[in-house]
Amino acid sequence: MKHKNCIRAALVLLLALAMILSLSACGKKNGNTAHKHNYIEKVTKPATCQEEGVATYTCYGCGDSYTKPIPVSDGHKYKKTVVKEATCAEDGQADYVCELCGYSYTETIPATGNHMYVLKETVPATCLEEGKEIYQCEYCDSTFEDPIPTTGKHVYEAAVTKEPTCVAEGTLTYTCTICGDTYTDPIPATGVHNYTKEEIIVQPRCDRTGQKKLTCATCSDFILEDIPNLEHSFTKWEVLTPATTTAPGEEGSFCDNCGIFTKRAIPQLPPEEEPEPDDGSGSSEPGEGSGGEQGSQDSEGGAGEQGGQGTDGGSGGEQASPDGAGENGGAAN
């Protein structure tokens, strides 16, 4: 607000001065030849480092004017260009070029002495030792370090040092990988028994289940388990009635496990083949004559199949029942 009032006051003074000057204007206005010009100077062309300037003088009252040269200026209009920045250890350089005449010169920028530090390396602090931050100047080899306080925090690794069992707790040990500090935590007992010791109390049979005792390998806890019944095992069969060509036979066996006796049928033997009649052709080919080799074989085969009909009754019985007829060959007689 004060600034505006000052401007207004200056304008009022200028108007008053203009009125005074107009009252004393030259004779061109009021015919008074004793008038004295009041010139105001204005630079219409500034002087440069190469050319003169022009100053114009104008009478405030009558407008009369004239000019005067302004001598060539000794000051160049320089443009500064920093070619090399100064650092903490090295000088810089600035070039100055006159925009009017092209005159130039070089100026040295003194070294600043101020280092530009950046973080180069960090050594972490541990639970026991301090760390540090290493700073180095970007422009020289100057360095400094900032300490990092110890953390007081251990870096633990866990390991089971005692396995838990069905009835006893285990131990989990934590060890600091930096300083070796340790502490332990309990591992709860598993409650799971390891039944590996087996004892047969009742042997199983075909007609009953067995029983076994399983004892924990760690403690004395035990459980009883049933053993499933065994299946019958008939492996030794004895011929009771040999099979013939007219009727099936029968054989029996005792179970290897429980002794129970069982029977099963022996298939009936096939009927004997009738010998072919002799047609009297006198053929000497085997089997065609009455005394031929084939007829002899048939009769021998028939005698063997009849068992009791042959002179050797025992031999006939063995052929009738390969599984046990030999043991009862006398029965065929």
C-alpha atoms as a PDB file:
ATOM      1  CA  MET A   1       0.000   0.000   0.000  1.00  0.00           C
ATOM      2  CA  LYS A   2       2.873   2.363   0.868  1.00  0.00           C
ATOM      3  CA  HIS A   3       4.547   1.550  -2.447  1.00  0.00           C
ATOM      4  CA  LYS A   4       1.444   2.627  -4.392  1.00  0.00           C
ATOM      5  CA  ASN A   5       1.270   5.916  -2.480  1.00  0.00           C
ATOM      6  CA  CYS A   6       4.919   6.633  -3.341  1.00  0.00           C
ATOM      7  CA  ILE A   7       4.250   6.083  -7.032  1.00  0.00           C
ATOM      8  CA  ARG A   8       1.289   8.432  -6.949  1.00  0.00           C
ATOM      9  CA  ALA A   9       3.346  11.138  -5.230  1.00  0.00           C
ATOM     10  CA  ALA A  10       6.083  10.829  -7.880  1.00  0.00           C
ATOM     11  CA  LEU A  11       3.529  11.216 -10.665  1.00  0.00           C
ATOM     12  CA  VAL A  12       2.150  14.347  -9.053  1.00  0.00           C
ATOM     13  CA  LEU A  13       5.652  15.862  -8.834  1.00  0.00           C
ATOM     14  CA  LEU A  14       6.328  15.077 -12.495  1.00  0.00           C
ATOM     15  CA  LEU A  15       3.085  16.774 -13.533  1.00  0.00           C
ATOM     16  CA  ALA A  16       3.973  19.855 -11.492  1.00  0.00           C
ATOM     17  CA  LEU A  17       7.443  19.985 -13.073  1.00  0.00           C
ATOM     18  CA  ALA A  18       5.892  19.710 -16.528  1.00  0.00           C
ATOM     19  CA  MET A  19       3.600  22.661 -15.801  1.00  0.00           C
ATOM     20  CA  ILE A  20       6.553  24.775 -14.633  1.00  0.00           C
ATOM     21  CA  LEU A  21       8.555  23.929 -17.753  1.00  0.00           C
ATOM     22  CA  SER A  22       5.617  24.715 -19.990  1.00  0.00           C
ATOM     23  CA  LEU A  23       5.355  28.182 -18.468  1.00  0.00           C
ATOM     24  CA  SER A  24       8.989  28.793 -19.403  1.00  0.00           C
ATOM     25  CA  ALA A  25       8.664  27.383 -22.933  1.00  0.00           C
ATOM     26  CA  CYS A  26      10.728  28.820 -25.771  1.00  0.00           C
ATOM     27  CA  GLY A  27       9.538  31.678 -28.068  1.00  0.00           C
ATOM     28  CA  LYS A  28       8.294  29.285 -30.669  1.00  0.00           C
ATOM     29  CA  LYS A  29       5.217  28.940 -28.530  1.00  0.00           C
ATOM     30  CA  ASN A  30       4.728  32.322 -26.859  1.00  0.00           C
ATOM     31  CA  GLY A  31       6.879  34.659 -28.965  1.00  0.00           C
ATOM     32  CA  ASN A  32       9.433  35.221 -26.187  1.00  0.00           C
ATOM     33  CA  THR A  33      12.911  35.176 -27.824  1.00  0.00           C
ATOM     34  CA  ALA A  34      14.730  35.058 -24.437  1.00  0.00           C
ATOM     35  CA  HIS A  35      13.658  31.400 -23.859  1.00  0.00           C
ATOM     36  CA  LYS A  36      16.210  28.833 -22.585  1.00  0.00           C
ATOM     37  CA  HIS A  37      15.907  25.226 -23.853  1.00  0.00           C
ATOM     38  CA  ASN A  38      15.499  22.462 -21.335  1.00  0.00           C
ATOM     39  CA  TYR A  39      16.865  19.282 -22.947  1.00  0.00           C
ATOM     40  CA  ILE A  40      16.230  15.747 -21.779  1.00  0.00           C
ATOM     41  CA  GLU A  41      18.806  13.085 -22.766  1.00  0.00           C
ATOM     42  CA  LYS A  42      17.733   9.682 -24.076  1.00  0.00           C
ATOM     43  CA  VAL A  43      20.010   6.884 -25.357  1.00  0.00           C
ATOM     44  CA  THR A  44      18.432   5.898 -28.653  1.00  0.00           C
ATOM     45  CA  LYS A  45      21.236   3.505 -29.614  1.00  0.00           C
ATOM     46  CA  PRO A  46      23.446   1.928 -26.957  1.00  0.00           C
ATOM     47  CA  ALA A  47      27.170   1.773 -27.628  1.00  0.00           C
ATOM     48  CA  THR A  48      28.756  -1.658 -27.980  1.00  0.00           C
ATOM     49  CA  CYS A  49      32.272  -3.054 -28.007  1.00  0.00           C
ATOM     50  CA  GLN A  50      32.357  -2.475 -31.798  1.00  0.00           C
ATOM     51  CA  GLU A  51      30.010   0.428 -32.601  1.00  0.00           C
ATOM     52  CA  GLU A  52      29.296   3.889 -31.232  1.00  0.00           C
ATOM     53  CA  GLY A  53      25.952   4.607 -29.739  1.00  0.00           C
ATOM     54  CA  VAL A  54      23.617   7.611 -30.120  1.00  0.00           C
ATOM     55  CA  ALA A  55      22.221   9.903 -27.416  1.00  0.00           C
ATOM     56  CA  THR A  56      19.263  12.139 -28.394  1.00  0.00           C
ATOM     57  CA  TYR A  57      18.592  15.422 -26.544  1.00  0.00           C
ATOM     58  CA  THR A  58      15.056  16.871 -26.792  1.00  0.00           C
ATOM     59  CA  CYS A  59      13.760  20.157 -25.379  1.00  0.00           C
ATOM     60  CA  TYR A  60      10.892  19.432 -23.113  1.00  0.00           C
ATOM     61  CA  GLY A  61       9.176  22.758 -23.820  1.00  0.00           C
ATOM     62  CA  CYS A  62       9.502  23.205 -27.561  1.00  0.00           C
ATOM     63  CA  GLY A  63      10.563  19.788 -28.843  1.00  0.00           C
ATOM     64  CA  ASP A  64      13.866  20.997 -30.295  1.00  0.00           C
ATOM     65  CA  SER A  65      16.392  18.127 -30.445  1.00  0.00           C
ATOM     66  CA  TYR A  66      19.933  17.118 -31.369  1.00  0.00           C
ATOM     67  CA  THR A  67      22.115  13.992 -31.093  1.00  0.00           C
ATOM     68  CA  LYS A  68      25.565  13.125 -29.795  1.00  0.00           C
ATOM     69  CA  PRO A  69      27.591   9.955 -30.416  1.00  0.00           C
ATOM     70  CA  ILE A  70      28.288   7.615 -27.543  1.00  0.00           C
ATOM     71  CA  PRO A  71      31.864   6.310 -27.699  1.00  0.00           C
ATOM     72  CA  VAL A  72      32.543   2.609 -28.286  1.00  0.00           C
ATOM     73  CA  SER A  73      32.120   0.739 -25.008  1.00  0.00           C
ATOM     74  CA  ASP A  74      35.079  -0.963 -23.395  1.00  0.00           C
ATOM     75  CA  GLY A  75      32.777  -3.659 -21.883  1.00  0.00           C
ATOM     76  CA  HIS A  76      32.010  -6.812 -23.860  1.00  0.00           C
ATOM     77  CA  LYS A  77      28.756  -8.705 -23.578  1.00  0.00           C
ATOM     78  CA  TYR A  78      30.117 -12.033 -22.467  1.00  0.00           C
ATOM     79  CA  LYS A  79      28.396 -15.418 -22.372  1.00  0.00           C
ATOM     80  CA  LYS A  80      29.904 -17.762 -19.798  1.00  0.00           C
ATOM     81  CA  THR A  81      30.254 -21.514 -20.508  1.00  0.00           C
ATOM     82  CA  VAL A  82      31.584 -23.878 -17.854  1.00  0.00           C
ATOM     83  CA  VAL A  83      33.792 -26.318 -19.735  1.00  0.00           C
ATOM     84  CA  LYS A  84      34.944 -28.264 -16.666  1.00  0.00           C
ATOM     85  CA  GLU A  85      33.364 -28.222 -13.246  1.00  0.00           C
ATOM     86  CA  ALA A  86      35.667 -27.656 -10.320  1.00  0.00           C
ATOM     87  CA  THR A  87      35.912 -30.536  -7.867  1.00  0.00           C
ATOM     88  CA  CYS A  88      37.233 -31.007  -4.387  1.00  0.00           C
ATOM     89  CA  ALA A  89      40.745 -31.613  -5.708  1.00  0.00           C
ATOM     90  CA  GLU A  90      40.903 -30.171  -9.252  1.00  0.00           C
ATOM     91  CA  ASP A  91      40.314 -26.728 -10.740  1.00  0.00           C
ATOM     92  CA  GLY A  92      37.584 -26.210 -13.263  1.00  0.00           C
ATOM     93  CA  GLN A  93      37.462 -23.999 -16.378  1.00  0.00           C
ATOM     94  CA  ALA A  94      35.005 -21.449 -17.759  1.00  0.00           C
ATOM     95  CA  ASP A  95      35.099 -19.873 -21.227  1.00  0.00           C
ATOM     96  CA  TYR A  96      33.809 -16.334 -21.828  1.00  0.00           C
ATOM     97  CA  VAL A  97      32.786 -15.302 -25.351  1.00  0.00           C
ATOM     98  CA  CYS A  98      31.512 -11.847 -26.306  1.00  0.00           C
ATOM     99  CA  GLU A  99      28.192 -12.212 -28.061  1.00  0.00           C
ATOM    100  CA  LEU A 100      28.848  -9.032 -30.066  1.00  0.00           C
ATOM    101  CA  CYS A 101      32.408  -9.327 -31.311  1.00  0.00           C
ATOM    102  CA  GLY A 102      33.422 -12.886 -30.570  1.00  0.00           C
ATOM    103  CA  TYR A 103      36.257 -11.930 -28.270  1.00  0.00           C
ATOM    104  CA  SER A 104      36.912 -14.708 -25.754  1.00  0.00           C
ATOM    105  CA  TYR A 105      39.048 -15.635 -22.796  1.00  0.00           C
ATOM    106  CA  THR A 106      39.340 -18.536 -20.341  1.00  0.00           C
ATOM    107  CA  GLU A 107      38.986 -18.391 -16.593  1.00  0.00           C
ATOM    108  CA  THR A 108      40.091 -20.985 -14.035  1.00  0.00           C
ATOM    109  CA  ILE A 109      37.506 -22.094 -11.490  1.00  0.00           C
ATOM    110  CA  PRO A 110      39.319 -22.851  -8.213  1.00  0.00           C
ATOM    111  CA  ALA A 111      38.950 -26.317  -6.639  1.00  0.00           C
ATOM    112  CA  THR A 112      36.082 -26.317  -4.189  1.00  0.00           C
ATOM    113  CA  GLY A 113      37.730 -28.355  -1.451  1.00  0.00           C
ATOM    114  CA  ASN A 114      34.294 -29.876  -0.795  1.00  0.00           C
ATOM    115  CA  HIS A 115      34.206 -33.659  -1.194  1.00  0.00           C
ATOM    116  CA  MET A 116      31.240 -35.411  -2.808  1.00  0.00           C
ATOM    117  CA  TYR A 117      30.907 -38.530  -0.699  1.00  0.00           C
ATOM    118  CA  VAL A 118      28.810 -41.538  -1.732  1.00  0.00           C
ATOM    119  CA  LEU A 119      28.209 -44.829   0.089  1.00  0.00           C
ATOM    120  CA  LYS A 120      30.533 -47.485  -1.331  1.00  0.00           C
ATOM    121  CA  GLU A 121      30.240 -50.405   1.107  1.00  0.00           C
ATOM    122  CA  THR A 122      28.231 -51.539   4.123  1.00  0.00           C
ATOM    123  CA  VAL A 123      29.552 -54.017   6.673  1.00  0.00           C
ATOM    124  CA  PRO A 124      26.519 -55.286   8.644  1.00  0.00           C
ATOM    125  CA  ALA A 125      26.593 -55.202  12.420  1.00  0.00           C
ATOM    126  CA  THR A 126      26.155 -58.487  14.298  1.00  0.00           C
ATOM    127  CA  CYS A 127      25.088 -59.472  17.787  1.00  0.00           C
ATOM    128  CA  LEU A 128      28.678 -58.967  18.988  1.00  0.00           C
ATOM    129  CA  GLU A 129      30.494 -56.644  16.563  1.00  0.00           C
ATOM    130  CA  GLU A 130      29.786 -53.201  15.194  1.00  0.00           C
ATOM    131  CA  GLY A 131      29.247 -52.729  11.487  1.00  0.00           C
ATOM    132  CA  LYS A 132      30.234 -49.750   9.376  1.00  0.00           C
ATOM    133  CA  GLU A 133      29.311 -47.704   6.341  1.00  0.00           C
ATOM    134  CA  ILE A 134      32.227 -46.718   4.106  1.00  0.00           C
ATOM    135  CA  TYR A 135      31.927 -43.500   2.082  1.00  0.00           C
ATOM    136  CA  GLN A 136      34.289 -42.415  -0.704  1.00  0.00           C
ATOM    137  CA  CYS A 137      34.546 -39.138  -2.602  1.00  0.00           C
ATOM    138  CA  GLU A 138      33.466 -39.453  -6.238  1.00  0.00           C
ATOM    139  CA  TYR A 139      36.353 -37.276  -7.407  1.00  0.00           C
ATOM    140  CA  CYS A 140      39.265 -38.337  -5.204  1.00  0.00           C
ATOM    141  CA  ASP A 141      40.365 -41.148  -2.893  1.00  0.00           C
ATOM    142  CA  SER A 142      39.170 -39.465   0.284  1.00  0.00           C
ATOM    143  CA  THR A 143      37.058 -41.782   2.482  1.00  0.00           C
ATOM    144  CA  PHE A 144      35.426 -41.846   5.878  1.00  0.00           C
ATOM    145  CA  GLU A 145      33.445 -44.423   7.887  1.00  0.00           C
ATOM    146  CA  ASP A 146      30.286 -44.297   9.957  1.00  0.00           C
ATOM    147  CA  PRO A 147      29.927 -47.006  12.643  1.00  0.00           C
ATOM    148  CA  ILE A 148      26.795 -49.152  12.909  1.00  0.00           C
ATOM    149  CA  PRO A 149      26.005 -50.207  16.505  1.00  0.00           C
ATOM    150  CA  THR A 150      25.844 -53.898  17.424  1.00  0.00           C
ATOM    151  CA  THR A 151      22.373 -55.323  16.908  1.00  0.00           C
ATOM    152  CA  GLY A 152      22.214 -57.448  20.046  1.00  0.00           C
ATOM    153  CA  LYS A 153      20.083 -59.848  17.989  1.00  0.00           C
ATOM    154  CA  HIS A 154      21.299 -63.425  17.616  1.00  0.00           C
ATOM    155  CA  VAL A 155      20.891 -65.469  14.438  1.00  0.00           C
ATOM    156  CA  TYR A 156      19.766 -68.861  15.678  1.00  0.00           C
ATOM    157  CA  GLU A 157      19.626 -72.196  13.857  1.00  0.00           C
ATOM    158  CA  ALA A 158      17.554 -75.047  15.336  1.00  0.00           C
ATOM    159  CA  ALA A 159      18.627 -78.685  15.577  1.00  0.00           C
ATOM    160  CA  VAL A 160      17.046 -81.694  17.311  1.00  0.00           C
ATOM    161  CA  THR A 161      19.582 -82.840  19.909  1.00  0.00           C
ATOM    162  CA  LYS A 162      17.311 -85.424  21.540  1.00  0.00           C
ATOM    163  CA  GLU A 163      14.521 -87.240  19.722  1.00  0.00           C
ATOM    164  CA  PRO A 164      11.192 -87.496  21.578  1.00  0.00           C
ATOM    165  CA  THR A 165       9.727 -90.931  22.274  1.00  0.00           C
ATOM    166  CA  CYS A 166       6.296 -92.262  23.125  1.00  0.00           C
ATOM    167  CA  VAL A 167       6.731 -91.361  26.803  1.00  0.00           C
ATOM    168  CA  ALA A 168       9.738 -88.978  27.015  1.00  0.00           C
ATOM    169  CA  GLU A 169      10.208 -85.400  25.780  1.00  0.00           C
ATOM    170  CA  GLY A 170      12.883 -84.532  23.248  1.00  0.00           C
ATOM    171  CA  THR A 171      15.115 -81.446  23.048  1.00  0.00           C
ATOM    172  CA  LEU A 172      15.378 -78.770  20.347  1.00  0.00           C
ATOM    173  CA  THR A 173      18.591 -76.728  20.645  1.00  0.00           C
ATOM    174  CA  TYR A 174      18.998 -73.246  19.122  1.00  0.00           C
ATOM    175  CA  THR A 175      22.547 -72.057  18.410  1.00  0.00           C
ATOM    176  CA  CYS A 176      23.616 -68.569  17.247  1.00  0.00           C
ATOM    177  CA  THR A 177      25.663 -68.946  14.052  1.00  0.00           C
ATOM    178  CA  ILE A 178      27.722 -65.865  14.915  1.00  0.00           C
ATOM    179  CA  CYS A 179      28.603 -66.041  18.604  1.00  0.00           C
ATOM    180  CA  GLY A 180      27.594 -69.584  19.612  1.00  0.00           C
ATOM    181  CA  ASP A 181      24.950 -68.535  22.159  1.00  0.00           C
ATOM    182  CA  THR A 182      22.425 -71.359  22.743  1.00  0.00           C
ATOM    183  CA  TYR A 183      19.093 -72.126  24.368  1.00  0.00           C
ATOM    184  CA  THR A 184      16.752 -75.133  24.274  1.00  0.00           C
ATOM    185  CA  ASP A 185      13.058 -75.876  23.886  1.00  0.00           C
ATOM    186  CA  PRO A 186      11.338 -79.168  24.821  1.00  0.00           C
ATOM    187  CA  ILE A 187       9.770 -81.337  22.152  1.00  0.00           C
ATOM    188  CA  PRO A 188       6.559 -82.968  23.461  1.00  0.00           C
ATOM    189  CA  ALA A 189       6.447 -86.768  23.755  1.00  0.00           C
ATOM    190  CA  THR A 190       4.913 -88.308  20.655  1.00  0.00           C
ATOM    191  CA  GLY A 191       2.530 -90.662  22.473  1.00  0.00           C
ATOM    192  CA  VAL A 192       2.983 -93.047  19.519  1.00  0.00           C
ATOM    193  CA  HIS A 193       4.278 -96.460  20.561  1.00  0.00           C
ATOM    194  CA  ASN A 194       6.661 -98.532  18.444  1.00  0.00           C
ATOM    195  CA  TYR A 195       5.242-102.038  18.654  1.00  0.00           C
ATOM    196  CA  THR A 196       8.033-104.129  17.139  1.00  0.00           C
ATOM    197  CA  LYS A 197       8.534-106.970  19.673  1.00  0.00           C
ATOM    198  CA  GLU A 198       6.179-109.816  18.705  1.00  0.00           C
ATOM    199  CA  GLU A 199       5.355-112.894  20.787  1.00  0.00           C
ATOM    200  CA  ILE A 200       2.940-115.671  19.678  1.00  0.00           C
ATOM    201  CA  ILE A 201       0.659-116.616  22.565  1.00  0.00           C
ATOM    202  CA  VAL A 202      -1.814-118.925  20.746  1.00  0.00           C
ATOM    203  CA  GLN A 203      -0.911-120.568  17.466  1.00  0.00           C
ATOM    204  CA  PRO A 204      -3.653-120.218  14.844  1.00  0.00           C
ATOM    205  CA  ARG A 205      -5.308-123.342  13.336  1.00  0.00           C
ATOM    206  CA  CYS A 206      -7.906-123.996  10.707  1.00  0.00           C
ATOM    207  CA  ASP A 207     -10.620-124.213  13.339  1.00  0.00           C
ATOM    208  CA  ARG A 208      -9.564-121.288  15.562  1.00  0.00           C
ATOM    209  CA  THR A 209      -7.853-117.879  15.516  1.00  0.00           C
ATOM    210  CA  GLY A 210      -4.465-117.345  17.088  1.00  0.00           C
ATOM    211  CA  GLN A 211      -3.226-114.470  19.276  1.00  0.00           C
ATOM    212  CA  LYS A 212       0.014-112.494  19.486  1.00  0.00           C
ATOM    213  CA  LYS A 213       1.429-109.932  21.927  1.00  0.00           C
ATOM    214  CA  LEU A 214       3.063-106.764  20.547  1.00  0.00           C
ATOM    215  CA  THR A 215       5.345-104.865  22.961  1.00  0.00           C
ATOM    216  CA  CYS A 216       6.647-101.292  22.469  1.00  0.00           C
ATOM    217  CA  ALA A 217      10.418-101.240  21.841  1.00  0.00           C
ATOM    218  CA  THR A 218      10.748 -98.068  23.948  1.00  0.00           C
ATOM    219  CA  CYS A 219       8.494 -98.710  26.935  1.00  0.00           C
ATOM    220  CA  SER A 220       6.665-101.712  28.401  1.00  0.00           C
ATOM    221  CA  ASP A 221       3.306-100.928  26.840  1.00  0.00           C
ATOM    222  CA  PHE A 222       1.802-103.823  24.853  1.00  0.00           C
ATOM    223  CA  ILE A 223      -1.290-104.771  22.850  1.00  0.00           C
ATOM    224  CA  LEU A 224      -2.881-108.099  21.870  1.00  0.00           C
ATOM    225  CA  GLU A 225      -3.819-108.861  18.278  1.00  0.00           C
ATOM    226  CA  ASP A 226      -5.686-111.786  16.736  1.00  0.00           C
ATOM    227  CA  ILE A 227      -4.020-113.965  14.139  1.00  0.00           C
ATOM    228  CA  PRO A 228      -6.453-115.053  11.386  1.00  0.00           C
ATOM    229  CA  ASN A 229      -7.480-118.726  11.026  1.00  0.00           C
ATOM    230  CA  LEU A 230      -5.321-120.880   8.808  1.00  0.00           C
ATOM    231  CA  GLU A 231      -6.771-122.454   5.668  1.00  0.00           C
ATOM    232  CA  HIS A 232      -6.927-126.276   5.327  1.00  0.00           C
ATOM    233  CA  SER A 233      -3.902-127.785   3.615  1.00  0.00           C
ATOM    234  CA  PHE A 234      -4.437-131.218   2.028  1.00  0.00           C
ATOM    235  CA  THR A 235      -1.168-132.311   0.466  1.00  0.00           C
ATOM    236  CA  LYS A 236      -0.898-136.096   1.128  1.00  0.00           C
ATOM    237  CA  TRP A 237      -3.645-138.028  -0.671  1.00  0.00           C
ATOM    238  CA  GLU A 238      -4.138-141.798  -0.266  1.00  0.00           C
ATOM    239  CA  VAL A 239      -6.188-143.940  -2.651  1.00  0.00           C
ATOM    240  CA  LEU A 240      -9.049-145.549  -0.782  1.00  0.00           C
ATOM    241  CA  THR A 241     -10.824-147.126  -3.777  1.00  0.00           C
ATOM    242  CA  PRO A 242      -8.993-147.381  -7.109  1.00  0.00           C
ATOM    243  CA  ALA A 243     -10.901-146.185 -10.162  1.00  0.00           C
ATOM    244  CA  THR A 244     -11.879-148.787 -12.772  1.00  0.00           C
ATOM    245  CA  THR A 245     -13.392-148.716 -16.215  1.00  0.00           C
ATOM    246  CA  THR A 246     -16.775-149.291 -14.712  1.00  0.00           C
ATOM    247  CA  ALA A 247     -16.708-147.027 -11.608  1.00  0.00           C
ATOM    248  CA  PRO A 248     -14.835-143.999 -10.228  1.00  0.00           C
ATOM    249  CA  GLY A 249     -12.445-144.362  -7.341  1.00  0.00           C
ATOM    250  CA  GLU A 250     -11.942-142.434  -4.126  1.00  0.00           C
ATOM    251  CA  GLU A 251      -8.968-140.965  -2.231  1.00  0.00           C
ATOM    252  CA  GLY A 252      -8.586-139.277   1.138  1.00  0.00           C
ATOM    253  CA  SER A 253      -6.209-136.888   2.962  1.00  0.00           C
ATOM    254  CA  PHE A 254      -5.660-135.431   6.434  1.00  0.00           C
ATOM    255  CA  CYS A 255      -5.211-131.594   6.817  1.00  0.00           C
ATOM    256  CA  ASP A 256      -1.584-130.729   7.557  1.00  0.00           C
ATOM    257  CA  ASN A 257      -2.690-128.040  10.064  1.00  0.00           C
ATOM    258  CA  CYS A 258      -5.634-129.437  12.009  1.00  0.00           C
ATOM    259  CA  GLY A 259      -5.824-133.154  11.066  1.00  0.00           C
ATOM    260  CA  ILE A 260      -9.367-133.126   9.693  1.00  0.00           C
ATOM    261  CA  PHE A 261      -9.990-135.883   7.120  1.00  0.00           C
ATOM    262  CA  THR A 262     -11.576-135.323   3.690  1.00  0.00           C
ATOM    263  CA  LYS A 263     -12.300-137.426   0.607  1.00  0.00           C
ATOM    264  CA  ARG A 264     -12.512-136.770  -3.100  1.00  0.00           C
ATOM    265  CA  ALA A 265     -13.424-138.862  -6.159  1.00  0.00           C
ATOM    266  CA  ILE A 266     -10.992-140.372  -8.648  1.00  0.00           C
ATOM    267  CA  PRO A 267     -12.345-140.128 -12.206  1.00  0.00           C
ATOM    268  CA  GLN A 268     -13.525-143.415 -13.791  1.00  0.00           C
ATOM    269  CA  LEU A 269     -11.079-145.007 -16.220  1.00  0.00           C
ATOM    270  CA  PRO A 270     -11.954-145.006 -19.939  1.00  0.00           C
ATOM    271  CA  PRO A 271     -13.325-148.330 -21.380  1.00  0.00           C
ATOM    272  CA  GLU A 272     -10.999-150.853 -23.070  1.00  0.00           C
ATOM    273  CA  GLU A 273     -10.734-150.774 -26.857  1.00  0.00           C
ATOM    274  CA  GLU A 274     -11.914-153.933 -28.734  1.00  0.00           C
ATOM    275  CA  PRO A 275      -9.226-155.575 -31.008  1.00  0.00           C
ATOM    276  CA  GLU A 276      -9.937-155.383 -34.759  1.00  0.00           C
ATOM    277  CA  PRO A 277     -10.987-158.761 -36.382  1.00  0.00           C
ATOM    278  CA  ASP A 278      -8.574-160.553 -38.779  1.00  0.00           C
ATOM    279  CA  ASP A 279      -9.865-160.345 -42.382  1.00  0.00           C
ATOM    280  CA  GLY A 280      -7.501-163.145 -43.631  1.00  0.00           C
ATOM    281  CA  SER A 281      -5.802-160.963 -46.195  1.00  0.00           C
ATOM    282  CA  GLY A 282      -2.451-162.221 -45.018  1.00  0.00           C
ATOM    283  CA  SER A 283      -1.120-158.700 -44.828  1.00  0.00           C
ATOM    284  CA  SER A 284       2.266-158.584 -43.269  1.00  0.00           C
ATOM    285  CA  GLU A 285       1.818-154.964 -42.141  1.00  0.00           C
ATOM    286  CA  PRO A 286       1.885-154.495 -38.384  1.00  0.00           C
ATOM    287  CA  GLY A 287      -1.529-154.596 -36.724  1.00  0.00           C
ATOM    288  CA  GLU A 288      -3.389-156.145 -39.693  1.00  0.00           C
ATOM    289  CA  GLY A 289      -2.759-159.862 -38.867  1.00  0.00           C
ATOM    290  CA  SER A 290      -4.034-161.828 -35.886  1.00  0.00           C
ATOM    291  CA  GLY A 291      -0.545-162.192 -34.520  1.00  0.00           C
ATOM    292  CA  GLY A 292       0.511-158.714 -35.546  1.00  0.00           C
ATOM    293  CA  GLU A 293       2.436-156.337 -33.331  1.00  0.00           C
ATOM    294  CA  GLN A 294      -0.519-154.042 -32.920  1.00  0.00           C
ATOM    295  CA  GLY A 295      -2.734-156.841 -31.637  1.00  0.00           C
ATOM    296  CA  SER A 296      -0.084-157.827 -29.152  1.00  0.00           C
ATOM    297  CA  GLN A 297       0.153-154.245 -27.962  1.00  0.00           C
ATOM    298  CA  ASP A 298      -3.619-153.987 -27.608  1.00  0.00           C
ATOM    299  CA  SER A 299      -3.820-157.130 -25.528  1.00  0.00           C
ATOM    300  CA  GLU A 300      -0.991-155.983 -23.333  1.00  0.00           C
ATOM    301  CA  GLY A 301      -2.666-152.627 -22.921  1.00  0.00           C
ATOM    302  CA  GLY A 302      -5.939-154.271 -22.078  1.00  0.00           C
ATOM    303  CA  ALA A 303      -4.346-156.452 -19.487  1.00  0.00           C
ATOM    304  CA  GLY A 304      -2.708-153.445 -17.961  1.00  0.00           C
ATOM    305  CA  GLU A 305      -5.961-151.520 -17.753  1.00  0.00           C
ATOM    306  CA  GLN A 306      -7.829-154.440 -16.173  1.00  0.00           C
ATOM    307  CA  GLY A 307      -5.343-154.557 -13.378  1.00  0.00           C
ATOM    308  CA  GLY A 308      -6.662-157.632 -11.579  1.00  0.00           C
ATOM    309  CA  GLN A 309      -7.082-159.619 -14.804  1.00  0.00           C
ATOM    310  CA  GLY A 310      -3.322-159.631 -15.510  1.00  0.00           C
ATOM    311  CA  THR A 311      -0.945-162.053 -13.903  1.00  0.00           C
ATOM    312  CA  ASP A 312       0.705-159.129 -12.122  1.00  0.00           C
ATOM    313  CA  GLY A 313      -2.159-157.576 -10.203  1.00  0.00           C
ATOM    314  CA  GLY A 314       0.033-155.017  -8.504  1.00  0.00           C
ATOM    315  CA  SER A 315       1.189-153.641 -11.819  1.00  0.00           C
ATOM    316  CA  GLY A 316      -2.357-153.154 -12.973  1.00  0.00           C
ATOM    317  CA  GLY A 317      -3.247-151.257  -9.811  1.00  0.00           C
ATOM    318  CA  GLU A 318      -0.428-148.709 -10.267  1.00  0.00           C
ATOM    319  CA  GLN A 319      -1.636-147.786 -13.716  1.00  0.00           C
ATOM    320  CA  ALA A 320      -5.168-147.328 -12.504  1.00  0.00           C
ATOM    321  CA  SER A 321      -4.214-144.809  -9.839  1.00  0.00           C
ATOM    322  CA  PRO A 322      -0.895-142.998 -10.333  1.00  0.00           C
ATOM    323  CA  ASP A 323      -1.483-140.932  -7.177  1.00  0.00           C
ATOM    324  CA  GLY A 324      -1.468-143.898  -4.839  1.00  0.00           C
ATOM    325  CA  ALA A 325      -2.576-147.127  -6.541  1.00  0.00           C
ATOM    326  CA  GLY A 326       0.931-148.546  -6.240  1.00  0.00           C
ATOM    327  CA  GLU A 327       0.628-148.551  -2.474  1.00  0.00           C
ATOM    328  CA  ASN A 328      -2.607-150.553  -2.669  1.00  0.00           C
ATOM    329  CA  GLY A 329      -1.766-152.781  -5.652  1.00  0.00           C
ATOM    330  CA  GLY A 330      -2.779-155.905  -3.758  1.00  0.00           C
ATOM    331  CA  ALA A 331      -6.341-154.685  -3.705  1.00  0.00           C
ATOM    332  CA  ALA A 332      -6.549-155.119  -7.437  1.00  0.00           C
ATOM    333  CA  ASN A 333      -5.966-158.884  -7.012  1.00  0.00           C
END
